[in-house]
C-alpha atoms as a PDB file:
ATOM      1  CA  MET A   1     126.558 185.571 155.151  1.00  0.00           C
ATOM      2  CA  THR A   2     124.696 186.544 152.269  1.00  0.00           C
ATOM      3  CA  GLU A   3     126.205 184.385 150.144  1.00  0.00           C
ATOM      4  CA  ARG A   4     125.329 181.454 152.533  1.00  0.00           C
ATOM      5  CA  LEU A   5     121.981 182.668 152.256  1.00  0.00           C
ATOM      6  CA  ALA A   6     122.074 182.456 148.563  1.00  0.00           C
ATOM      7  CA  ASP A   7     123.657 179.149 148.128  1.00  0.00           C
ATOM      8  CA  ILE A   8     120.949 177.223 150.460  1.00  0.00           C
ATOM      9  CA  THR A   9     118.489 178.657 148.927  1.00  0.00           C
ATOM     10  CA  ALA A  10     119.894 177.783 145.249  1.00  0.00           C
ATOM     11  CA  ARG A  11     119.867 174.023 146.915  1.00  0.00           C
ATOM     12  CA  ILE A  12     116.427 174.045 148.273  1.00  0.00           C
ATOM     13  CA  ASP A  13     115.327 175.143 144.993  1.00  0.00           C
ATOM     14  CA  GLY A  14     117.374 172.287 143.168  1.00  0.00           C
ATOM     15  CA  VAL A  15     115.688 170.055 145.451  1.00  0.00           C
ATOM     16  CA  ARG A  16     112.301 171.525 145.352  1.00  0.00           C
ATOM     17  CA  GLN A  17     112.563 170.735 141.713  1.00  0.00           C
ATOM     18  CA  LEU A  18     113.896 166.641 141.515  1.00  0.00           C
ATOM     19  CA  GLY A  19     111.046 166.551 144.167  1.00  0.00           C
ATOM     20  CA  ALA A  20     109.009 167.564 140.976  1.00  0.00           C
ATOM     21  CA  VAL A  21     110.859 164.470 138.657  1.00  0.00           C
ATOM     22  CA  VAL A  22     110.781 162.228 141.314  1.00  0.00           C
ATOM     23  CA  ASN A  23     106.781 162.602 141.232  1.00  0.00           C
ATOM     24  CA  ALA A  24     106.566 162.750 137.887  1.00  0.00           C
ATOM     25  CA  MET A  25     108.050 159.212 137.622  1.00  0.00           C
ATOM     26  CA  LYS A  26     106.533 158.739 140.177  1.00  0.00           C
ATOM     27  CA  GLY A  27     102.730 158.532 138.386  1.00  0.00           C
ATOM     28  CA  ILE A  28     103.774 157.388 135.109  1.00  0.00           C
ATOM     29  CA  ALA A  29     104.844 154.555 136.782  1.00  0.00           C
ATOM     30  CA  ALA A  30     101.240 154.316 138.342  1.00  0.00           C
ATOM     31  CA  ALA A  31      99.835 154.744 135.856  1.00  0.00           C
ATOM     32  CA  ARG A  32     101.514 152.706 133.888  1.00  0.00           C
ATOM     33  CA  ALA A  33     101.383 149.657 136.183  1.00  0.00           C
ATOM     34  CA  HIS A  34      97.156 150.177 136.585  1.00  0.00           C
ATOM     35  CA  MET A  35      97.033 150.090 132.860  1.00  0.00           C
ATOM     36  CA  ALA A  36      99.129 146.954 132.563  1.00  0.00           C
ATOM     37  CA  ARG A  37      96.928 145.078 135.351  1.00  0.00           C
ATOM     38  CA  THR A  38      93.927 145.585 133.652  1.00  0.00           C
ATOM     39  CA  GLN A  39      94.958 144.259 130.187  1.00  0.00           C
ATOM     40  CA  VAL A  40      96.625 140.828 132.468  1.00  0.00           C
ATOM     41  CA  VAL A  41      92.613 140.306 132.913  1.00  0.00           C
ATOM     42  CA  ALA A  42      92.273 140.563 129.312  1.00  0.00           C
ATOM     43  CA  VAL A  43      95.077 138.534 127.812  1.00  0.00           C
ATOM     44  CA  ASP A  44      94.170 135.811 130.459  1.00  0.00           C
ATOM     45  CA  SER A  45      90.566 136.126 128.814  1.00  0.00           C
ATOM     46  CA  TYR A  46      91.981 135.003 125.891  1.00  0.00           C
ATOM     47  CA  ALA A  47      94.373 132.340 127.045  1.00  0.00           C
ATOM     48  CA  ALA A  48      91.248 131.007 129.284  1.00  0.00           C
ATOM     49  CA  THR A  49      88.736 130.979 125.231  1.00  0.00           C
ATOM     50  CA  ILE A  50      92.099 129.718 123.514  1.00  0.00           C
ATOM     51  CA  ALA A  51      92.158 126.418 126.303  1.00  0.00           C
ATOM     52  CA  ALA A  52      88.751 126.062 126.218  1.00  0.00           C
ATOM     53  CA  ALA A  53      89.122 124.424 122.043  1.00  0.00           C
ATOM     54  CA  MET A  54      92.183 122.643 122.868  1.00  0.00           C
ATOM     55  CA  SER A  55      90.602 120.871 125.509  1.00  0.00           C
ATOM     56  CA  ASN A  56      87.408 120.517 123.162  1.00  0.00           C
ATOM     57  CA  VAL A  57      89.340 119.314 119.985  1.00  0.00           C
ATOM     58  CA  ILE A  58      91.775 116.942 122.694  1.00  0.00           C
ATOM     59  CA  GLY A  59      88.870 115.565 124.359  1.00  0.00           C
ATOM     60  CA  THR A  60      87.134 113.985 121.019  1.00  0.00           C
ATOM     61  CA  GLY A  61      87.820 111.208 119.171  1.00  0.00           C
ATOM     62  CA  PRO A  62      91.236 109.323 119.308  1.00  0.00           C
ATOM     63  CA  ALA A  63      93.723 110.865 122.163  1.00  0.00           C
ATOM     64  CA  LEU A  64      96.736 112.100 119.848  1.00  0.00           C
ATOM     65  CA  SER A  65      99.728 110.942 118.392  1.00  0.00           C
ATOM     66  CA  ALA A  66     103.366 112.530 118.788  1.00  0.00           C
ATOM     67  CA  HIS A  67     102.567 116.387 118.359  1.00  0.00           C
ATOM     68  CA  PRO A  68     105.153 119.443 118.788  1.00  0.00           C
ATOM     69  CA  TYR A  69     104.985 119.578 122.802  1.00  0.00           C
ATOM     70  CA  GLU A  70     105.638 116.043 123.970  1.00  0.00           C
ATOM     71  CA  THR A  71     109.219 116.724 124.012  1.00  0.00           C
ATOM     72  CA  GLY A  72     111.906 117.077 126.594  1.00  0.00           C
ATOM     73  CA  GLY A  73     115.663 117.617 126.324  1.00  0.00           C
ATOM     74  CA  LYS A  74     117.616 120.232 126.258  1.00  0.00           C
ATOM     75  CA  THR A  75     116.064 123.557 128.036  1.00  0.00           C
ATOM     76  CA  GLY A  76     115.847 127.577 127.703  1.00  0.00           C
ATOM     77  CA  LEU A  77     114.914 130.663 129.929  1.00  0.00           C
ATOM     78  CA  LEU A  78     112.983 133.327 129.368  1.00  0.00           C
ATOM     79  CA  VAL A  79     114.116 136.034 131.964  1.00  0.00           C
ATOM     80  CA  PHE A  80     112.268 139.166 132.166  1.00  0.00           C
ATOM     81  CA  GLY A  81     114.271 141.862 133.986  1.00  0.00           C
ATOM     82  CA  ALA A  82     113.893 145.445 133.850  1.00  0.00           C
ATOM     83  CA  GLU A  83     113.904 148.553 131.101  1.00  0.00           C
ATOM     84  CA  GLN A  84     114.405 151.420 133.100  1.00  0.00           C
ATOM     85  CA  GLY A  85     116.477 152.306 136.009  1.00  0.00           C
ATOM     86  CA  PHE A  86     115.259 153.871 139.001  1.00  0.00           C
ATOM     87  CA  ALA A  87     113.962 149.926 140.125  1.00  0.00           C
ATOM     88  CA  GLY A  88     115.811 148.705 142.521  1.00  0.00           C
ATOM     89  CA  ALA A  89     116.858 145.420 142.209  1.00  0.00           C
ATOM     90  CA  PHE A  90     114.530 144.413 140.045  1.00  0.00           C
ATOM     91  CA  SER A  91     116.745 142.702 137.646  1.00  0.00           C
ATOM     92  CA  GLU A  92     119.003 141.289 140.250  1.00  0.00           C
ATOM     93  CA  ARG A  93     116.131 139.562 142.159  1.00  0.00           C
ATOM     94  CA  VAL A  94     115.501 137.481 138.667  1.00  0.00           C
ATOM     95  CA  LEU A  95     118.845 136.991 137.543  1.00  0.00           C
ATOM     96  CA  ASP A  96     119.559 135.668 141.321  1.00  0.00           C
ATOM     97  CA  SER A  97     117.205 132.934 140.866  1.00  0.00           C
ATOM     98  CA  ILE A  98     118.069 131.614 137.560  1.00  0.00           C
ATOM     99  CA  GLY A  99     121.588 130.198 139.252  1.00  0.00           C
ATOM    100  CA  GLN A 100     124.494 129.180 137.179  1.00  0.00           C
ATOM    101  CA  ASP A 101     123.914 126.191 135.411  1.00  0.00           C
ATOM    102  CA  PRO A 102     125.098 126.525 132.035  1.00  0.00           C
ATOM    103  CA  ILE A 103     121.012 126.951 129.985  1.00  0.00           C
ATOM    104  CA  THR A 104     120.036 128.236 126.335  1.00  0.00           C
ATOM    105  CA  LEU A 105     119.460 132.432 128.027  1.00  0.00           C
ATOM    106  CA  PHE A 106     116.241 134.442 125.888  1.00  0.00           C
ATOM    107  CA  LEU A 107     116.794 138.159 128.314  1.00  0.00           C
ATOM    108  CA  ILE A 108     114.345 140.403 128.021  1.00  0.00           C
ATOM    109  CA  GLY A 109     114.794 144.226 129.181  1.00  0.00           C
ATOM    110  CA  THR A 110     117.531 146.809 128.341  1.00  0.00           C
ATOM    111  CA  ARG A 111     118.778 147.018 132.193  1.00  0.00           C
ATOM    112  CA  GLY A 112     118.229 143.116 133.035  1.00  0.00           C
ATOM    113  CA  LEU A 113     121.258 142.889 129.678  1.00  0.00           C
ATOM    114  CA  SER A 114     123.313 146.090 131.744  1.00  0.00           C
ATOM    115  CA  VAL A 115     123.219 143.624 134.706  1.00  0.00           C
ATOM    116  CA  ALA A 116     123.789 140.770 133.485  1.00  0.00           C
ATOM    117  CA  THR A 117     126.403 141.191 131.389  1.00  0.00           C
ATOM    118  CA  ALA A 118     128.011 143.321 134.457  1.00  0.00           C
ATOM    119  CA  ARG A 119     127.534 139.525 136.397  1.00  0.00           C
ATOM    120  CA  GLY A 120     129.092 137.228 133.326  1.00  0.00           C
ATOM    121  CA  LEU A 121     126.084 136.380 131.689  1.00  0.00           C
ATOM    122  CA  THR A 122     125.745 136.450 128.028  1.00  0.00           C
ATOM    123  CA  PRO A 123     121.908 135.931 126.594  1.00  0.00           C
ATOM    124  CA  ASP A 124     121.851 134.061 124.163  1.00  0.00           C
ATOM    125  CA  TRP A 125     118.999 136.701 122.450  1.00  0.00           C
ATOM    126  CA  THR A 126     117.745 139.885 123.955  1.00  0.00           C
ATOM    127  CA  ALA A 127     114.860 142.293 123.597  1.00  0.00           C
ATOM    128  CA  PRO A 128     114.071 146.082 125.252  1.00  0.00           C
ATOM    129  CA  LEU A 129     111.353 145.735 126.800  1.00  0.00           C
ATOM    130  CA  PRO A 130     108.305 148.178 125.359  1.00  0.00           C
ATOM    131  CA  SER A 131     107.698 151.260 127.368  1.00  0.00           C
ATOM    132  CA  HIS A 132     104.194 151.347 126.868  1.00  0.00           C
ATOM    133  CA  THR A 133     101.683 147.860 127.203  1.00  0.00           C
ATOM    134  CA  PRO A 134     100.369 148.592 123.065  1.00  0.00           C
ATOM    135  CA  GLY A 135     104.691 147.099 122.637  1.00  0.00           C
ATOM    136  CA  ILE A 136     103.295 144.031 124.142  1.00  0.00           C
ATOM    137  CA  PRO A 137     101.915 141.785 121.672  1.00  0.00           C
ATOM    138  CA  LYS A 138     104.820 143.010 118.910  1.00  0.00           C
ATOM    139  CA  LEU A 139     107.143 141.836 121.921  1.00  0.00           C
ATOM    140  CA  ALA A 140     105.103 138.459 122.000  1.00  0.00           C
ATOM    141  CA  ASP A 141     105.336 137.913 118.653  1.00  0.00           C
ATOM    142  CA  LYS A 142     109.312 137.986 118.309  1.00  0.00           C
ATOM    143  CA  ILE A 143     109.097 136.068 121.267  1.00  0.00           C
ATOM    144  CA  THR A 144     107.407 133.052 119.569  1.00  0.00           C
ATOM    145  CA  THR A 145     109.349 133.416 116.332  1.00  0.00           C
ATOM    146  CA  VAL A 146     113.107 133.372 118.141  1.00  0.00           C
ATOM    147  CA  ILE A 147     111.538 130.073 120.330  1.00  0.00           C
ATOM    148  CA  TYR A 148     109.997 128.144 117.848  1.00  0.00           C
ATOM    149  CA  HIS A 149     113.901 128.522 115.428  1.00  0.00           C
ATOM    150  CA  ALA A 150     114.795 127.295 118.789  1.00  0.00           C
ATOM    151  CA  VAL A 151     113.029 124.662 118.963  1.00  0.00           C
ATOM    152  CA  ALA A 152     113.194 123.980 114.787  1.00  0.00           C
ATOM    153  CA  THR A 153     116.964 123.642 115.237  1.00  0.00           C
ATOM    154  CA  ALA A 154     117.191 121.522 117.807  1.00  0.00           C
ATOM    155  CA  GLN A 155     118.329 124.281 120.345  1.00  0.00           C
ATOM    156  CA  ILE A 156     116.140 123.007 122.974  1.00  0.00           C
ATOM    157  CA  ASP A 157     113.212 121.574 123.415  1.00  0.00           C
ATOM    158  CA  SER A 158     111.791 123.007 125.985  1.00  0.00           C
ATOM    159  CA  LEU A 159     111.536 126.870 128.204  1.00  0.00           C
ATOM    160  CA  GLU A 160     110.787 128.166 131.210  1.00  0.00           C
ATOM    161  CA  VAL A 161     110.115 131.311 132.362  1.00  0.00           C
ATOM    162  CA  ALA A 162     110.847 133.683 135.132  1.00  0.00           C
ATOM    163  CA  PHE A 163     109.643 137.279 135.631  1.00  0.00           C
ATOM    164  CA  THR A 164     108.201 139.543 138.290  1.00  0.00           C
ATOM    165  CA  ARG A 165     104.789 139.224 140.134  1.00  0.00           C
ATOM    166  CA  TRP A 166     103.271 141.965 142.019  1.00  0.00           C
ATOM    167  CA  ASP A 167     101.387 140.855 144.758  1.00  0.00           C
ATOM    168  CA  ALA A 168      99.655 142.211 147.795  1.00  0.00           C
ATOM    169  CA  GLY A 169     102.274 145.336 147.526  1.00  0.00           C
ATOM    170  CA  ARG A 170     105.417 142.576 147.503  1.00  0.00           C
ATOM    171  CA  PRO A 171     107.343 141.681 144.001  1.00  0.00           C
ATOM    172  CA  GLY A 172     107.289 137.994 143.684  1.00  0.00           C
ATOM    173  CA  LEU A 173     109.711 135.659 141.520  1.00  0.00           C
ATOM    174  CA  VAL A 174     107.574 133.327 139.623  1.00  0.00           C
ATOM    175  CA  HIS A 175     109.433 130.317 137.847  1.00  0.00           C
ATOM    176  CA  LYS A 176     107.506 128.218 135.496  1.00  0.00           C
ATOM    177  CA  ARG A 177     107.180 126.342 131.795  1.00  0.00           C
ATOM    178  CA  LEU A 178     105.748 127.697 128.735  1.00  0.00           C
ATOM    179  CA  PHE A 179     106.776 125.469 126.489  1.00  0.00           C
ATOM    180  CA  PRO A 180     106.478 121.988 125.807  1.00  0.00           C
ATOM    181  CA  ILE A 181     102.318 122.536 126.736  1.00  0.00           C
ATOM    182  CA  ASP A 182     101.329 120.588 129.101  1.00  0.00           C
ATOM    183  CA  LEU A 183      97.721 118.975 127.630  1.00  0.00           C
ATOM    184  CA  ALA A 184      96.783 117.701 130.865  1.00  0.00           C
ATOM    185  CA  ASP A 185      96.556 121.141 132.357  1.00  0.00           C
ATOM    186  CA  LEU A 186      93.845 122.229 130.207  1.00  0.00           C
ATOM    187  CA  PRO A 187      90.424 122.011 131.407  1.00  0.00           C
ATOM    188  CA  PRO A 188      88.036 120.002 130.744  1.00  0.00           C
ATOM    189  CA  ALA A 189      86.303 119.211 127.836  1.00  0.00           C
ATOM    190  CA  THR A 190      83.027 120.954 127.579  1.00  0.00           C
ATOM    191  CA  GLY A 191      80.031 121.256 124.738  1.00  0.00           C
ATOM    192  CA  ASP A 192      79.741 119.539 121.791  1.00  0.00           C
ATOM    193  CA  ARG A 193      81.868 117.975 119.911  1.00  0.00           C
ATOM    194  CA  PRO A 194      83.668 121.062 117.199  1.00  0.00           C
ATOM    195  CA  LEU A 195      83.531 120.895 113.587  1.00  0.00           C
ATOM    196  CA  MET A 196      86.710 119.861 111.903  1.00  0.00           C
ATOM    197  CA  GLN A 197      88.122 121.017 108.999  1.00  0.00           C
ATOM    198  CA  LEU A 198      91.626 120.460 109.972  1.00  0.00           C
ATOM    199  CA  PRO A 199      93.377 117.117 110.938  1.00  0.00           C
ATOM    200  CA  LYS A 200      93.233 116.979 114.494  1.00  0.00           C
ATOM    201  CA  ASP A 201      97.068 117.126 115.277  1.00  0.00           C
ATOM    202  CA  THR A 202      97.672 120.134 112.742  1.00  0.00           C
ATOM    203  CA  LEU A 203      94.762 122.281 114.353  1.00  0.00           C
ATOM    204  CA  ILE A 204      96.481 121.644 118.315  1.00  0.00           C
ATOM    205  CA  ALA A 205      99.422 122.836 116.999  1.00  0.00           C
ATOM    206  CA  ALA A 206      98.133 125.396 115.936  1.00  0.00           C
ATOM    207  CA  LEU A 207      96.211 126.731 118.732  1.00  0.00           C
ATOM    208  CA  GLY A 208      99.023 125.367 120.759  1.00  0.00           C
ATOM    209  CA  GLN A 209     100.947 128.261 119.602  1.00  0.00           C
ATOM    210  CA  ASP A 210      98.323 131.182 120.296  1.00  0.00           C
ATOM    211  CA  TYR A 211      98.393 129.690 123.614  1.00  0.00           C
ATOM    212  CA  PHE A 212     102.036 130.003 124.507  1.00  0.00           C
ATOM    213  CA  HIS A 213     101.739 133.812 122.347  1.00  0.00           C
ATOM    214  CA  ALA A 214      98.929 134.365 124.768  1.00  0.00           C
ATOM    215  CA  GLN A 215     101.310 133.119 127.763  1.00  0.00           C
ATOM    216  CA  VAL A 216     104.046 135.413 127.472  1.00  0.00           C
ATOM    217  CA  CYS A 217     101.944 138.373 126.662  1.00  0.00           C
ATOM    218  CA  LYS A 218     100.348 136.928 130.074  1.00  0.00           C
ATOM    219  CA  ALA A 219     104.487 137.219 131.651  1.00  0.00           C
ATOM    220  CA  ALA A 220     105.703 140.409 130.030  1.00  0.00           C
ATOM    221  CA  LEU A 221     102.248 142.319 131.221  1.00  0.00           C
ATOM    222  CA  HIS A 222     103.068 140.887 134.989  1.00  0.00           C
ATOM    223  CA  ALA A 223     106.443 142.197 134.481  1.00  0.00           C
ATOM    224  CA  PHE A 224     105.734 145.471 132.998  1.00  0.00           C
ATOM    225  CA  ALA A 225     103.854 146.171 135.647  1.00  0.00           C
ATOM    226  CA  ALA A 226     105.897 144.950 138.802  1.00  0.00           C
ATOM    227  CA  GLU A 227     108.829 147.055 137.425  1.00  0.00           C
ATOM    228  CA  ASN A 228     106.472 150.353 137.435  1.00  0.00           C
ATOM    229  CA  GLU A 229     105.459 149.039 140.683  1.00  0.00           C
ATOM    230  CA  ALA A 230     109.066 148.803 141.964  1.00  0.00           C
ATOM    231  CA  ARG A 231     109.810 152.264 140.127  1.00  0.00           C
ATOM    232  CA  MET A 232     106.845 153.814 142.271  1.00  0.00           C
ATOM    233  CA  GLU A 233     108.356 152.614 145.647  1.00  0.00           C
ATOM    234  CA  ALA A 234     111.430 153.315 144.629  1.00  0.00           C
ATOM    235  CA  MET A 235     110.448 157.068 143.831  1.00  0.00           C
ATOM    236  CA  THR A 236     108.203 156.963 147.035  1.00  0.00           C
ATOM    237  CA  ALA A 237     111.422 155.878 149.355  1.00  0.00           C
ATOM    238  CA  ALA A 238     112.979 159.289 147.295  1.00  0.00           C
ATOM    239  CA  GLY A 239     110.321 161.394 147.865  1.00  0.00           C
ATOM    240  CA  SER A 240     110.352 160.650 151.376  1.00  0.00           C
ATOM    241  CA  GLN A 241     113.932 161.387 151.183  1.00  0.00           C
ATOM    242  CA  ILE A 242     113.604 164.582 149.579  1.00  0.00           C
ATOM    243  CA  ALA A 243     111.098 165.903 152.223  1.00  0.00           C
ATOM    244  CA  ARG A 244     113.220 165.011 154.690  1.00  0.00           C
ATOM    245  CA  GLU A 245     116.343 166.990 153.238  1.00  0.00           C
ATOM    246  CA  LEU A 246     113.819 170.569 152.461  1.00  0.00           C
ATOM    247  CA  ASP A 247     112.697 170.117 156.302  1.00  0.00           C
ATOM    248  CA  ASP A 248     116.487 169.974 157.021  1.00  0.00           C
ATOM    249  CA  MET A 249     117.321 173.053 155.120  1.00  0.00           C
ATOM    250  CA  GLN A 250     114.693 175.379 155.450  1.00  0.00           C
ATOM    251  CA  SER A 251     115.790 174.544 159.559  1.00  0.00           C
ATOM    252  CA  THR A 252     119.387 175.531 158.396  1.00  0.00           C
ATOM    253  CA  LEU A 253     117.372 178.796 156.746  1.00  0.00           C
ATOM    254  CA  ALA A 254     115.851 179.755 158.839  1.00  0.00           C
ATOM    255  CA  ARG A 255     119.109 179.400 161.884  1.00  0.00           C
ATOM    256  CA  VAL A 256     121.045 181.542 159.038  1.00  0.00           C
ATOM    257  CA  ARG A 257     118.515 184.352 158.696  1.00  0.00           C
ATOM    258  CA  GLN A 258     117.974 184.151 162.434  1.00  0.00           C
ATOM    259  CA  GLU A 259     121.973 184.617 162.578  1.00  0.00           C
ATOM    260  CA  ALA A 260     121.947 187.020 159.531  1.00  0.00           C
ATOM    261  CA  ILE A 261     119.670 189.758 160.987  1.00  0.00           C
ATOM    262  CA  THR A 262     121.115 189.024 164.757  1.00  0.00           C
ATOM    263  CA  ALA A 263     124.076 190.245 163.118  1.00  0.00           C
ATOM    264  CA  GLU A 264     122.620 193.098 161.650  1.00  0.00           C
ATOM    265  CA  ILE A 265     121.035 194.336 164.560  1.00  0.00           C
ATOM    266  CA  ILE A 266     124.290 193.964 166.008  1.00  0.00           C
ATOM    267  CA  GLU A 267     125.741 196.207 163.498  1.00  0.00           C
ATOM    268  CA  LEU A 268     123.641 198.816 163.640  1.00  0.00           C
ATOM    269  CA  GLY A 269     123.640 198.657 167.524  1.00  0.00           C
ATOM    270  CA  THR A 270     127.811 199.073 167.669  1.00  0.00           C
ATOM    271  CA  GLY A 271     127.594 201.456 164.889  1.00  0.00           C
ATOM    272  CA  ALA A 272     125.286 203.258 166.650  1.00  0.00           C
ATOM    273  CA  ALA A 273     126.809 203.347 169.685  1.00  0.00           C
ATOM    274  CA  THR A 274     130.216 204.661 168.247  1.00  0.00           C
ATOM    275  CA  ALA A 275     128.659 207.308 166.529  1.00  0.00           C
ATOM    276  CA  ARG A 276     127.270 208.788 170.016  1.00  0.00           C
ATOM    277  CA  ALA A 277     130.879 207.912 171.755  1.00  0.00           C
ATOM    278  CA  LYS A 278     132.012 210.395 168.879  1.00  0.00           C
ATOM    279  CA  THR A 279     129.038 213.321 169.083  1.00  0.00           C
ATOM    280  CA  HIS A 280     130.255 212.443 173.142  1.00  0.00           C
ATOM    281  CA  ARG A 281     133.688 213.269 172.619  1.00  0.00           C
ATOM    282  CA  LYS A 282     133.369 216.120 169.893  1.00  0.00           C
ATOM    283  CA  ALA A 283     131.117 217.801 172.905  1.00  0.00           C
ATOM    284  CA  SER A 284     133.156 217.461 175.992  1.00  0.00           C
ATOM    285  CA  ALA A 285     135.767 218.992 173.788  1.00  0.00           C
ATOM    286  CA  LYS A 286     134.546 222.140 172.667  1.00  0.00           C
ATOM    287  CA  ARG A 287     133.611 222.402 176.748  1.00  0.00           C
END
C-alpha cells in the first residue's frame, strides 16, 4: 500500500511539472502572437505608403509601357507552414489547400516541411520561420531574392501565397496573388505630381519590389501569429486535460490513503484483540 501511495504521489508531481511546462509554453505563445499582431499594423502602414507612392507615379504622364509586373504563365506558390510542433493540424490545413497540381513550391516552416515530406511533396526551396518577429524582415529579404531569381530564370511568371490568418478566435486560410502586382488595386493618385529623377518604369519596378517585400512580411507575420495562436489553443486543451487528470489522481490518492488508514486501524485492532486474548489465556492458566 505504501508503494502504491508513493507511485501515485510521484505521478502527481510529474503531471504538475508537465502542467507548468504547458503554462509556460502557452504564455510564450501568447506574447509572440501579440507582438506579431502589433507589427502587422506597422507593416500595413508601410505597404500603404508604398502603394500611394506607386499610385502617384502611375497617375502622372502617359501610361506605363511594359513592366515586369504584367506578365503571366507559370505560377509558383509560397506556403507558410508551422515552424514548431504542438500547434495542432496547423500545417496540415495549409497543405490541404494547395491541391496536387504541379507547381513550383516555396515552403516556409520546419514542421511544415516535415508534414509536406510525409505527403510526398518536395518543395523547390525551403526556409525556417524565425522564432522571433525581429527575424521576419530578414526572412522576407531571402524570399524576395529567391522569387526574383526564379522570375529572372523563367522558373515562374507569377506567385501566389497561402498562409493562415487568425480572426475572431478561429484560423482562416488566405490564398491570394502576390506577383505580378495588380496596379489596378492601388489607391487613387493624390497630391501634386512628384519630382522624379528616374524613368517611370524603373521607379515603379523599385517601388514594386519594396511593396512585394512588405506583402511577404505581412504574410509571414500573420502566419507567425496564427501558429502561436494555434499553439495557445493546443496548450489550453492540454492544460484542461492535465487538470482533469490531476483531479482524478487526487481522488485516487485520497481513496488509497483512506484504504491505508483503514487497513492500519484494522491491523491495530486485530493486534490488540489478539494481545487481549493471549493475556486472558495466560490468566486462565494460572488459575
